[in-house]
Amino acid sequence: MPKRKDKPKIPVARRFYLDRKIDASGVSGTGMVATGIIFPSGKAVIEWIVGDHPSIETHDSLDDCMAVHGHGKNTEVIWLDPITMYVEKR
């Protein structure tokens, strides 16, 4: 019987949200302030879900995003998916 070839696996995007502990700017409030996704390329997209002007932003990396919006250690990334997920390539 011939051996079954495993299909190659490719990484998929990973979801997260930003949990703000202290609102230093007085704009976004505390708790869940944004949802996001990080792509296998490392690029991150976040959607602000609070405030009068919800918006979507892209960043070259999650580190870049946190450098702008992390407010020091006042905002935490909460991951919704495992560290790495793969799907079989079709």
Protein backbone atom coordinates (compact mmCIF):
# COMPACT_ATOMS: atom_id res chain seq x y z
CA MET A 1 0.00 0.00 0.00
CA PRO A 2 1.48 3.40 -0.95
CA LYS A 3 2.29 5.86 1.81
CA ARG A 4 -0.12 8.75 2.22
CA LYS A 5 1.55 12.09 1.61
CA ASP A 6 0.70 14.70 4.22
CA LYS A 7 -0.52 17.93 2.75
CA PRO A 8 1.65 20.95 3.53
CA LYS A 9 0.39 23.12 6.37
CA ILE A 10 0.23 26.88 6.30
CA PRO A 11 -0.09 29.28 9.26
CA VAL A 12 -3.30 31.24 9.75
CA ALA A 13 -4.05 34.59 11.36
CA ARG A 14 -4.34 34.89 15.14
CA ARG A 15 -7.02 36.94 16.94
CA PHE A 16 -6.60 39.13 20.02
CA TYR A 17 -8.06 42.07 21.88
CA LEU A 18 -6.53 44.97 23.77
CA ASP A 19 -7.46 45.18 27.43
CA ARG A 20 -6.78 48.64 28.83
CA LYS A 21 -6.15 48.76 32.59
CA ILE A 22 -5.69 52.54 32.92
CA ASP A 23 -6.89 55.14 30.43
CA ALA A 24 -4.11 57.73 30.62
CA SER A 25 -5.52 59.80 27.73
CA GLY A 26 -9.11 59.85 28.95
CA VAL A 27 -10.35 58.91 25.47
CA SER A 28 -10.79 55.15 25.16
CA GLY A 29 -11.78 54.09 28.67
CA THR A 30 -10.79 50.80 30.27
CA GLY A 31 -11.49 47.14 29.56
CA MET A 32 -11.72 45.80 26.01
CA VAL A 33 -10.95 48.79 23.79
CA ALA A 34 -9.94 47.14 20.51
CA THR A 35 -10.04 43.82 18.70
CA GLY A 36 -7.35 42.70 16.33
CA ILE A 37 -5.71 40.11 14.19
CA ILE A 38 -2.08 39.36 13.45
CA PHE A 39 -1.30 37.78 10.09
CA PRO A 40 1.39 35.18 9.36
CA SER A 41 3.47 38.02 7.84
CA GLY A 42 3.54 39.68 11.28
CA LYS A 43 1.34 42.60 10.20
CA ALA A 44 -1.37 43.58 12.67
CA VAL A 45 -4.78 45.13 12.17
CA ILE A 46 -6.78 46.58 15.05
CA GLU A 47 -10.32 47.87 15.23
CA TRP A 48 -11.10 50.40 17.93
CA ILE A 49 -14.50 49.53 19.37
CA VAL A 50 -14.86 52.42 21.83
CA GLY A 51 -15.19 56.16 21.63
CA ASP A 52 -17.05 58.46 19.28
CA HIS A 53 -14.92 57.56 16.23
CA PRO A 54 -14.32 53.79 15.92
CA SER A 55 -11.61 53.08 13.36
CA ILE A 56 -9.34 50.44 11.87
CA GLU A 57 -5.55 50.69 11.79
CA THR A 58 -2.79 48.60 10.26
CA HIS A 59 0.70 48.22 11.72
CA ASP A 60 3.85 46.51 10.48
CA SER A 61 3.89 44.47 13.69
CA LEU A 62 2.07 44.06 16.98
CA ASP A 63 5.12 45.58 18.69
CA ASP A 64 4.66 48.72 16.57
CA CYS A 65 0.99 48.83 17.53
CA MET A 66 1.79 48.50 21.23
CA ALA A 67 4.50 51.15 21.01
CA VAL A 68 1.78 53.60 19.97
CA HIS A 69 -1.22 52.33 21.95
CA GLY A 70 0.21 50.30 24.82
CA HIS A 71 0.54 53.27 27.21
CA GLY A 72 3.46 51.58 28.93
CA LYS A 73 2.13 48.51 30.70
CA ASN A 74 -1.41 49.89 30.92
CA THR A 75 -2.72 47.86 27.95
CA GLU A 76 -2.46 44.09 27.65
CA VAL A 77 -2.80 41.87 24.56
CA ILE A 78 -5.26 39.05 25.29
CA TRP A 79 -4.90 36.22 22.77
CA LEU A 80 -8.04 34.42 21.61
CA ASP A 81 -6.26 31.73 19.58
CA PRO A 82 -3.39 29.32 20.29
CA ILE A 83 0.16 30.49 19.64
CA THR A 84 0.32 28.96 16.17
CA MET A 85 -2.48 27.47 14.15
CA TYR A 86 -2.04 25.70 10.85
CA VAL A 87 -4.42 24.45 8.21
CA GLU A 88 -3.76 21.92 5.50
CA LYS A 89 -3.12 23.49 2.14
CA ARG A 90 -5.76 22.40 -0.34
